[in-house]
Amino acid sequence: MPFYEYRCKSCGQMLTVMQGIKEKPLVHCDNCNSDSLIKMISRTSFDLKGGGWCGTTASNKAKAQSSAESGAATSCACNACPHKQ
């Protein structure tokens, strides 16, 4: 379950809560008894590293497509590929 950060617009109280993604955002501040909590946008606590993620595969596919469109030879091992002719 993810953690969400909230800040009260009335008193400035910061709050970190573990909530399900489908749960409604909190609005009530227990510190000042007002309904003025807002959900903060914060940095995630994980990083996608290594190959196979969208950031790495999308750029590799774009490079391969531009090479194929420009007629550049690729490093294919078979002799039947149309781009080797």
PDB file of N, CA and C in Angstrom:
ATOM      1  N   MET A   1       0.835  -1.172   0.000  1.00  0.00           N
ATOM      2  CA  MET A   1       0.000   0.000   0.000  1.00  0.00           C
ATOM      3  C   MET A   1       0.888   1.246   0.000  1.00  0.00           C
ATOM      4  N   PRO A   2       0.554   2.233  -0.808  1.00  0.00           N
ATOM      5  CA  PRO A   2       1.395   3.439  -0.897  1.00  0.00           C
ATOM      6  C   PRO A   2       1.175   4.409   0.262  1.00  0.00           C
ATOM      7  N   PHE A   3       2.165   5.241   0.472  1.00  0.00           N
ATOM      8  CA  PHE A   3       2.087   6.315   1.454  1.00  0.00           C
ATOM      9  C   PHE A   3       1.730   7.603   0.729  1.00  0.00           C
ATOM     10  N   TYR A   4       0.863   8.407   1.336  1.00  0.00           N
ATOM     11  CA  TYR A   4       0.490   9.707   0.791  1.00  0.00           C
ATOM     12  C   TYR A   4       0.781  10.778   1.825  1.00  0.00           C
ATOM     13  N   GLU A   5       1.192  11.943   1.336  1.00  0.00           N
ATOM     14  CA  GLU A   5       1.465  13.068   2.219  1.00  0.00           C
ATOM     15  C   GLU A   5       0.366  14.101   2.060  1.00  0.00           C
ATOM     16  N   TYR A   6      -0.061  14.643   3.185  1.00  0.00           N
ATOM     17  CA  TYR A   6      -1.086  15.681   3.216  1.00  0.00           C
ATOM     18  C   TYR A   6      -0.562  16.883   3.990  1.00  0.00           C
ATOM     19  N   ARG A   7      -1.099  18.061   3.664  1.00  0.00           N
ATOM     20  CA  ARG A   7      -0.788  19.283   4.402  1.00  0.00           C
ATOM     21  C   ARG A   7      -2.094  20.021   4.649  1.00  0.00           C
ATOM     22  N   CYS A   8      -2.236  20.539   5.855  1.00  0.00           N
ATOM     23  CA  CYS A   8      -3.433  21.288   6.208  1.00  0.00           C
ATOM     24  C   CYS A   8      -3.243  22.742   5.766  1.00  0.00           C
ATOM     25  N   LYS A   9      -4.203  23.258   5.000  1.00  0.00           N
ATOM     26  CA  LYS A   9      -4.137  24.652   4.561  1.00  0.00           C
ATOM     27  C   LYS A   9      -4.368  25.619   5.718  1.00  0.00           C
ATOM     28  N   SER A  10      -5.046  25.186   6.757  1.00  0.00           N
ATOM     29  CA  SER A  10      -5.348  26.067   7.887  1.00  0.00           C
ATOM     30  C   SER A  10      -4.186  26.206   8.868  1.00  0.00           C
ATOM     31  N   CYS A  11      -3.615  25.075   9.308  1.00  0.00           N
ATOM     32  CA  CYS A  11      -2.586  25.143  10.353  1.00  0.00           C
ATOM     33  C   CYS A  11      -1.193  24.747   9.870  1.00  0.00           C
ATOM     34  N   GLY A  12      -1.070  24.200   8.653  1.00  0.00           N
ATOM     35  CA  GLY A  12       0.231  23.823   8.115  1.00  0.00           C
ATOM     36  C   GLY A  12       0.732  22.461   8.556  1.00  0.00           C
ATOM     37  N   GLN A  13      -0.054  21.738   9.324  1.00  0.00           N
ATOM     38  CA  GLN A  13       0.330  20.401   9.808  1.00  0.00           C
ATOM     39  C   GLN A  13       0.593  19.472   8.621  1.00  0.00           C
ATOM     40  N   MET A  14       1.736  18.740   8.665  1.00  0.00           N
ATOM     41  CA  MET A  14       2.066  17.738   7.644  1.00  0.00           C
ATOM     42  C   MET A  14       1.702  16.368   8.186  1.00  0.00           C
ATOM     43  N   LEU A  15       1.217  15.503   7.297  1.00  0.00           N
ATOM     44  CA  LEU A  15       0.712  14.197   7.696  1.00  0.00           C
ATOM     45  C   LEU A  15       1.086  13.179   6.627  1.00  0.00           C
ATOM     46  N   THR A  16       1.606  12.022   7.024  1.00  0.00           N
ATOM     47  CA  THR A  16       1.903  10.927   6.101  1.00  0.00           C
ATOM     48  C   THR A  16       1.013   9.754   6.478  1.00  0.00           C
ATOM     49  N   VAL A  17       0.271   9.227   5.488  1.00  0.00           N
ATOM     50  CA  VAL A  17      -0.720   8.183   5.740  1.00  0.00           C
ATOM     51  C   VAL A  17      -0.543   7.062   4.728  1.00  0.00           C
ATOM     52  N   MET A  18      -0.646   5.815   5.200  1.00  0.00           N
ATOM     53  CA  MET A  18      -0.659   4.674   4.297  1.00  0.00           C
ATOM     54  C   MET A  18      -2.114   4.427   3.900  1.00  0.00           C
ATOM     55  N   GLN A  19      -2.401   4.539   2.594  1.00  0.00           N
ATOM     56  CA  GLN A  19      -3.759   4.397   2.079  1.00  0.00           C
ATOM     57  C   GLN A  19      -3.759   3.539   0.840  1.00  0.00           C
ATOM     58  N   GLY A  20      -4.892   2.880   0.608  1.00  0.00           N
ATOM     59  CA  GLY A  20      -5.084   2.170  -0.644  1.00  0.00           C
ATOM     60  C   GLY A  20      -5.289   3.163  -1.781  1.00  0.00           C
ATOM     61  N   ILE A  21      -4.956   2.765  -2.982  1.00  0.00           N
ATOM     62  CA  ILE A  21      -5.063   3.643  -4.143  1.00  0.00           C
ATOM     63  C   ILE A  21      -6.505   4.074  -4.390  1.00  0.00           C
ATOM     64  N   LYS A  22      -7.457   3.193  -4.133  1.00  0.00           N
ATOM     65  CA  LYS A  22      -8.866   3.496  -4.410  1.00  0.00           C
ATOM     66  C   LYS A  22      -9.568   4.220  -3.262  1.00  0.00           C
ATOM     67  N   GLU A  23      -8.882   4.424  -2.130  1.00  0.00           N
ATOM     68  CA  GLU A  23      -9.499   5.131  -1.011  1.00  0.00           C
ATOM     69  C   GLU A  23      -9.614   6.615  -1.323  1.00  0.00           C
ATOM     70  N   LYS A  24     -10.659   7.245  -0.790  1.00  0.00           N
ATOM     71  CA  LYS A  24     -10.857   8.677  -0.989  1.00  0.00           C
ATOM     72  C   LYS A  24      -9.800   9.453  -0.204  1.00  0.00           C
ATOM     73  N   PRO A  25      -9.343  10.581  -0.754  1.00  0.00           N
ATOM     74  CA  PRO A  25      -8.360  11.400  -0.036  1.00  0.00           C
ATOM     75  C   PRO A  25      -8.920  11.917   1.291  1.00  0.00           C
ATOM     76  N   LEU A  26      -8.032  12.072   2.266  1.00  0.00           N
ATOM     77  CA  LEU A  26      -8.434  12.617   3.555  1.00  0.00           C
ATOM     78  C   LEU A  26      -8.708  14.111   3.420  1.00  0.00           C
ATOM     79  N   VAL A  27      -9.620  14.638   4.230  1.00  0.00           N
ATOM     80  CA  VAL A  27      -9.911  16.072   4.219  1.00  0.00           C
ATOM     81  C   VAL A  27      -9.859  16.674   5.617  1.00  0.00           C
ATOM     82  N   HIS A  28     -10.065  15.867   6.663  1.00  0.00           N
ATOM     83  CA  HIS A  28     -10.156  16.389   8.021  1.00  0.00           C
ATOM     84  C   HIS A  28      -8.798  16.394   8.721  1.00  0.00           C
ATOM     85  N   CYS A  29      -8.421  17.556   9.278  1.00  0.00           N
ATOM     86  CA  CYS A  29      -7.191  17.705  10.041  1.00  0.00           C
ATOM     87  C   CYS A  29      -7.517  17.544  11.521  1.00  0.00           C
ATOM     88  N   ASP A  30      -6.920  16.542  12.172  1.00  0.00           N
ATOM     89  CA  ASP A  30      -7.141  16.317  13.597  1.00  0.00           C
ATOM     90  C   ASP A  30      -6.440  17.366  14.458  1.00  0.00           C
ATOM     91  N   ASN A  31      -5.424  18.026  13.915  1.00  0.00           N
ATOM     92  CA  ASN A  31      -4.664  19.013  14.671  1.00  0.00           C
ATOM     93  C   ASN A  31      -5.488  20.284  14.945  1.00  0.00           C
ATOM     94  N   CYS A  32      -6.195  20.780  13.921  1.00  0.00           N
ATOM     95  CA  CYS A  32      -6.954  22.025  14.101  1.00  0.00           C
ATOM     96  C   CYS A  32      -8.464  21.837  13.904  1.00  0.00           C
ATOM     97  N   ASN A  33      -8.896  20.614  13.678  1.00  0.00           N
ATOM     98  CA  ASN A  33     -10.315  20.280  13.493  1.00  0.00           C
ATOM     99  C   ASN A  33     -10.964  20.945  12.281  1.00  0.00           C
ATOM    100  N   SER A  34     -10.199  21.217  11.246  1.00  0.00           N
ATOM    101  CA  SER A  34     -10.770  21.802  10.035  1.00  0.00           C
ATOM    102  C   SER A  34     -10.788  20.755   8.923  1.00  0.00           C
ATOM    103  N   ASP A  35     -11.553  21.008   7.891  1.00  0.00           N
ATOM    104  CA  ASP A  35     -11.626  20.119   6.726  1.00  0.00           C
ATOM    105  C   ASP A  35     -10.825  20.738   5.581  1.00  0.00           C
ATOM    106  N   SER A  36      -9.539  20.922   5.801  1.00  0.00           N
ATOM    107  CA  SER A  36      -8.734  21.606   4.788  1.00  0.00           C
ATOM    108  C   SER A  36      -7.428  20.880   4.457  1.00  0.00           C
ATOM    109  N   LEU A  37      -7.416  19.546   4.537  1.00  0.00           N
ATOM    110  CA  LEU A  37      -6.233  18.786   4.132  1.00  0.00           C
ATOM    111  C   LEU A  37      -6.169  18.720   2.617  1.00  0.00           C
ATOM    112  N   ILE A  38      -4.965  18.889   2.083  1.00  0.00           N
ATOM    113  CA  ILE A  38      -4.751  18.712   0.641  1.00  0.00           C
ATOM    114  C   ILE A  38      -3.652  17.671   0.450  1.00  0.00           C
ATOM    115  N   LYS A  39      -3.815  16.854  -0.581  1.00  0.00           N
ATOM    116  CA  LYS A  39      -2.834  15.808  -0.880  1.00  0.00           C
ATOM    117  C   LYS A  39      -1.650  16.453  -1.594  1.00  0.00           C
ATOM    118  N   MET A  40      -0.467  16.161  -1.104  1.00  0.00           N
ATOM    119  CA  MET A  40       0.756  16.701  -1.692  1.00  0.00           C
ATOM    120  C   MET A  40       1.257  15.773  -2.800  1.00  0.00           C
ATOM    121  N   ILE A  41       1.968  16.338  -3.744  1.00  0.00           N
ATOM    122  CA  ILE A  41       2.640  15.545  -4.768  1.00  0.00           C
ATOM    123  C   ILE A  41       4.076  15.388  -4.308  1.00  0.00           C
ATOM    124  N   SER A  42       4.489  14.153  -4.095  1.00  0.00           N
ATOM    125  CA  SER A  42       5.832  13.916  -3.570  1.00  0.00           C
ATOM    126  C   SER A  42       6.579  12.919  -4.443  1.00  0.00           C
ATOM    127  N   ARG A  43       7.858  12.871  -4.255  1.00  0.00           N
ATOM    128  CA  ARG A  43       8.731  11.977  -5.018  1.00  0.00           C
ATOM    129  C   ARG A  43       8.478  10.528  -4.611  1.00  0.00           C
ATOM    130  N   THR A  44       8.560   9.626  -5.573  1.00  0.00           N
ATOM    131  CA  THR A  44       8.364   8.212  -5.273  1.00  0.00           C
ATOM    132  C   THR A  44       9.599   7.647  -4.575  1.00  0.00           C
ATOM    133  N   SER A  45       9.425   6.518  -3.934  1.00  0.00           N
ATOM    134  CA  SER A  45      10.531   5.917  -3.193  1.00  0.00           C
ATOM    135  C   SER A  45      11.179   4.749  -3.940  1.00  0.00           C
ATOM    136  N   PHE A  46      10.886   4.594  -5.228  1.00  0.00           N
ATOM    137  CA  PHE A  46      11.519   3.517  -5.981  1.00  0.00           C
ATOM    138  C   PHE A  46      12.043   4.061  -7.302  1.00  0.00           C
ATOM    139  N   ASP A  47      12.964   3.315  -7.896  1.00  0.00           N
ATOM    140  CA  ASP A  47      13.588   3.705  -9.141  1.00  0.00           C
ATOM    141  C   ASP A  47      13.654   2.473 -10.039  1.00  0.00           C
ATOM    142  N   LEU A  48      13.223   2.613 -11.269  1.00  0.00           N
ATOM    143  CA  LEU A  48      13.263   1.495 -12.215  1.00  0.00           C
ATOM    144  C   LEU A  48      14.636   1.469 -12.871  1.00  0.00           C
ATOM    145  N   LYS A  49      15.428   0.458 -12.545  1.00  0.00           N
ATOM    146  CA  LYS A  49      16.782   0.357 -13.077  1.00  0.00           C
ATOM    147  C   LYS A  49      16.904  -0.888 -13.934  1.00  0.00           C
ATOM    148  N   GLY A  50      17.881  -0.890 -14.824  1.00  0.00           N
ATOM    149  CA  GLY A  50      18.124  -2.042 -15.673  1.00  0.00           C
ATOM    150  C   GLY A  50      17.369  -1.958 -16.983  1.00  0.00           C
ATOM    151  N   GLY A  51      17.520  -2.965 -17.814  1.00  0.00           N
ATOM    152  CA  GLY A  51      16.869  -2.983 -19.111  1.00  0.00           C
ATOM    153  C   GLY A  51      15.443  -3.498 -19.033  1.00  0.00           C
ATOM    154  N   GLY A  52      14.671  -3.242 -20.061  1.00  0.00           N
ATOM    155  CA  GLY A  52      13.321  -3.765 -20.145  1.00  0.00           C
ATOM    156  C   GLY A  52      12.240  -2.816 -19.681  1.00  0.00           C
ATOM    157  N   TRP A  53      12.598  -1.670 -19.143  1.00  0.00           N
ATOM    158  CA  TRP A  53      11.595  -0.700 -18.706  1.00  0.00           C
ATOM    159  C   TRP A  53      11.289   0.251 -19.851  1.00  0.00           C
ATOM    160  N   CYS A  54      10.196   0.885 -19.797  1.00  0.00           N
ATOM    161  CA  CYS A  54       9.719   1.752 -20.870  1.00  0.00           C
ATOM    162  C   CYS A  54      10.774   2.758 -21.329  1.00  0.00           C
ATOM    163  N   GLY A  55      11.482   3.359 -20.414  1.00  0.00           N
ATOM    164  CA  GLY A  55      12.479   4.362 -20.765  1.00  0.00           C
ATOM    165  C   GLY A  55      13.613   3.817 -21.604  1.00  0.00           C
ATOM    166  N   THR A  56      13.983   2.561 -21.403  1.00  0.00           N
ATOM    167  CA  THR A  56      15.093   1.996 -22.158  1.00  0.00           C
ATOM    168  C   THR A  56      14.614   1.308 -23.429  1.00  0.00           C
ATOM    169  N   THR A  57      13.493   0.614 -23.379  1.00  0.00           N
ATOM    170  CA  THR A  57      13.046  -0.118 -24.562  1.00  0.00           C
ATOM    171  C   THR A  57      12.464   0.808 -25.616  1.00  0.00           C
ATOM    172  N   ALA A  58      11.787   1.856 -25.213  1.00  0.00           N
ATOM    173  CA  ALA A  58      11.195   2.772 -26.185  1.00  0.00           C
ATOM    174  C   ALA A  58      12.279   3.452 -27.003  1.00  0.00           C
ATOM    175  N   SER A  59      13.360   3.864 -26.360  1.00  0.00           N
ATOM    176  CA  SER A  59      14.425   4.535 -27.095  1.00  0.00           C
ATOM    177  C   SER A  59      15.160   3.552 -28.011  1.00  0.00           C
ATOM    178  N   ASN A  60      15.322   2.299 -27.587  1.00  0.00           N
ATOM    179  CA  ASN A  60      15.972   1.295 -28.431  1.00  0.00           C
ATOM    180  C   ASN A  60      15.124   0.968 -29.648  1.00  0.00           C
ATOM    181  N   LYS A  61      13.801   0.879 -29.478  1.00  0.00           N
ATOM    182  CA  LYS A  61      12.916   0.610 -30.608  1.00  0.00           C
ATOM    183  C   LYS A  61      12.953   1.757 -31.601  1.00  0.00           C
ATOM    184  N   ALA A  62      12.996   2.985 -31.096  1.00  0.00           N
ATOM    185  CA  ALA A  62      13.041   4.155 -31.980  1.00  0.00           C
ATOM    186  C   ALA A  62      14.332   4.161 -32.790  1.00  0.00           C
ATOM    187  N   LYS A  63      15.464   3.809 -32.158  1.00  0.00           N
ATOM    188  CA  LYS A  63      16.735   3.750 -32.870  1.00  0.00           C
ATOM    189  C   LYS A  63      16.702   2.674 -33.945  1.00  0.00           C
ATOM    190  N   ALA A  64      16.148   1.495 -33.625  1.00  0.00           N
ATOM    191  CA  ALA A  64      16.079   0.399 -34.583  1.00  0.00           C
ATOM    192  C   ALA A  64      15.197   0.769 -35.764  1.00  0.00           C
ATOM    193  N   GLN A  65      14.071   1.441 -35.480  1.00  0.00           N
ATOM    194  CA  GLN A  65      13.158   1.830 -36.548  1.00  0.00           C
ATOM    195  C   GLN A  65      13.800   2.873 -37.454  1.00  0.00           C
ATOM    196  N   SER A  66      14.493   3.848 -36.873  1.00  0.00           N
ATOM    197  CA  SER A  66      15.123   4.872 -37.703  1.00  0.00           C
ATOM    198  C   SER A  66      16.255   4.281 -38.532  1.00  0.00           C
ATOM    199  N   SER A  67      16.967   3.279 -38.011  1.00  0.00           N
ATOM    200  CA  SER A  67      18.017   2.612 -38.780  1.00  0.00           C
ATOM    201  C   SER A  67      17.419   1.841 -39.945  1.00  0.00           C
ATOM    202  N   ALA A  68      16.288   1.157 -39.686  1.00  0.00           N
ATOM    203  CA  ALA A  68      15.634   0.387 -40.743  1.00  0.00           C
ATOM    204  C   ALA A  68      15.089   1.313 -41.824  1.00  0.00           C
ATOM    205  N   GLU A  69      14.530   2.449 -41.422  1.00  0.00           N
ATOM    206  CA  GLU A  69      13.972   3.390 -42.395  1.00  0.00           C
ATOM    207  C   GLU A  69      15.054   4.060 -43.228  1.00  0.00           C
ATOM    208  N   SER A  70      16.230   4.252 -42.654  1.00  0.00           N
ATOM    209  CA  SER A  70      17.306   4.915 -43.387  1.00  0.00           C
ATOM    210  C   SER A  70      18.085   3.947 -44.268  1.00  0.00           C
ATOM    211  N   GLY A  71      17.767   2.645 -44.165  1.00  0.00           N
ATOM    212  CA  GLY A  71      18.439   1.650 -44.987  1.00  0.00           C
ATOM    213  C   GLY A  71      19.751   1.175 -44.395  1.00  0.00           C
ATOM    214  N   ALA A  72      20.019   1.522 -43.166  1.00  0.00           N
ATOM    215  CA  ALA A  72      21.257   1.096 -42.520  1.00  0.00           C
ATOM    216  C   ALA A  72      21.212  -0.398 -42.228  1.00  0.00           C
ATOM    217  N   ALA A  73      22.340  -1.060 -42.395  1.00  0.00           N
ATOM    218  CA  ALA A  73      22.414  -2.494 -42.105  1.00  0.00           C
ATOM    219  C   ALA A  73      22.358  -2.722 -40.602  1.00  0.00           C
ATOM    220  N   THR A  74      21.708  -3.804 -40.226  1.00  0.00           N
ATOM    221  CA  THR A  74      21.650  -4.159 -38.820  1.00  0.00           C
ATOM    222  C   THR A  74      22.525  -5.367 -38.571  1.00  0.00           C
ATOM    223  N   SER A  75      22.666  -5.749 -37.335  1.00  0.00           N
ATOM    224  CA  SER A  75      23.541  -6.873 -37.002  1.00  0.00           C
ATOM    225  C   SER A  75      22.749  -8.168 -36.898  1.00  0.00           C
ATOM    226  N   CYS A  76      22.034  -8.538 -37.935  1.00  0.00           N
ATOM    227  CA  CYS A  76      21.254  -9.763 -37.964  1.00  0.00           C
ATOM    228  C   CYS A  76      22.152 -10.922 -38.417  1.00  0.00           C
ATOM    229  N   ALA A  77      21.973 -12.081 -37.805  1.00  0.00           N
ATOM    230  CA  ALA A  77      22.826 -13.228 -38.110  1.00  0.00           C
ATOM    231  C   ALA A  77      22.326 -14.050 -39.301  1.00  0.00           C
ATOM    232  N   CYS A  78      21.074 -13.881 -39.682  1.00  0.00           N
ATOM    233  CA  CYS A  78      20.580 -14.697 -40.799  1.00  0.00           C
ATOM    234  C   CYS A  78      20.879 -14.011 -42.134  1.00  0.00           C
ATOM    235  N   ASN A  79      20.858 -14.778 -43.202  1.00  0.00           N
ATOM    236  CA  ASN A  79      21.140 -14.219 -44.522  1.00  0.00           C
ATOM    237  C   ASN A  79      19.876 -13.966 -45.328  1.00  0.00           C
ATOM    238  N   ALA A  80      18.716 -14.198 -44.726  1.00  0.00           N
ATOM    239  CA  ALA A  80      17.462 -14.062 -45.460  1.00  0.00           C
ATOM    240  C   ALA A  80      16.718 -12.767 -45.152  1.00  0.00           C
ATOM    241  N   CYS A  81      17.256 -11.933 -44.298  1.00  0.00           N
ATOM    242  CA  CYS A  81      16.556 -10.705 -43.910  1.00  0.00           C
ATOM    243  C   CYS A  81      16.514  -9.716 -45.069  1.00  0.00           C
ATOM    244  N   PRO A  82      15.378  -9.042 -45.268  1.00  0.00           N
ATOM    245  CA  PRO A  82      15.282  -8.075 -46.370  1.00  0.00           C
ATOM    246  C   PRO A  82      16.179  -6.855 -46.175  1.00  0.00           C
ATOM    247  N   HIS A  83      16.514  -6.527 -44.942  1.00  0.00           N
ATOM    248  CA  HIS A  83      17.330  -5.328 -44.742  1.00  0.00           C
ATOM    249  C   HIS A  83      18.816  -5.570 -45.018  1.00  0.00           C
ATOM    250  N   LYS A  84      19.214  -6.815 -45.264  1.00  0.00           N
ATOM    251  CA  LYS A  84      20.614  -7.113 -45.573  1.00  0.00           C
ATOM    252  C   LYS A  84      20.896  -7.092 -47.077  1.00  0.00           C
ATOM    253  N   GLN A  85      19.868  -6.943 -47.862  1.00  0.00           N
ATOM    254  CA  GLN A  85      20.059  -7.009 -49.325  1.00  0.00           C
ATOM    255  C   GLN A  85      20.684  -5.764 -49.879  1.00  0.00           C
TER     256      GLN A  85
END
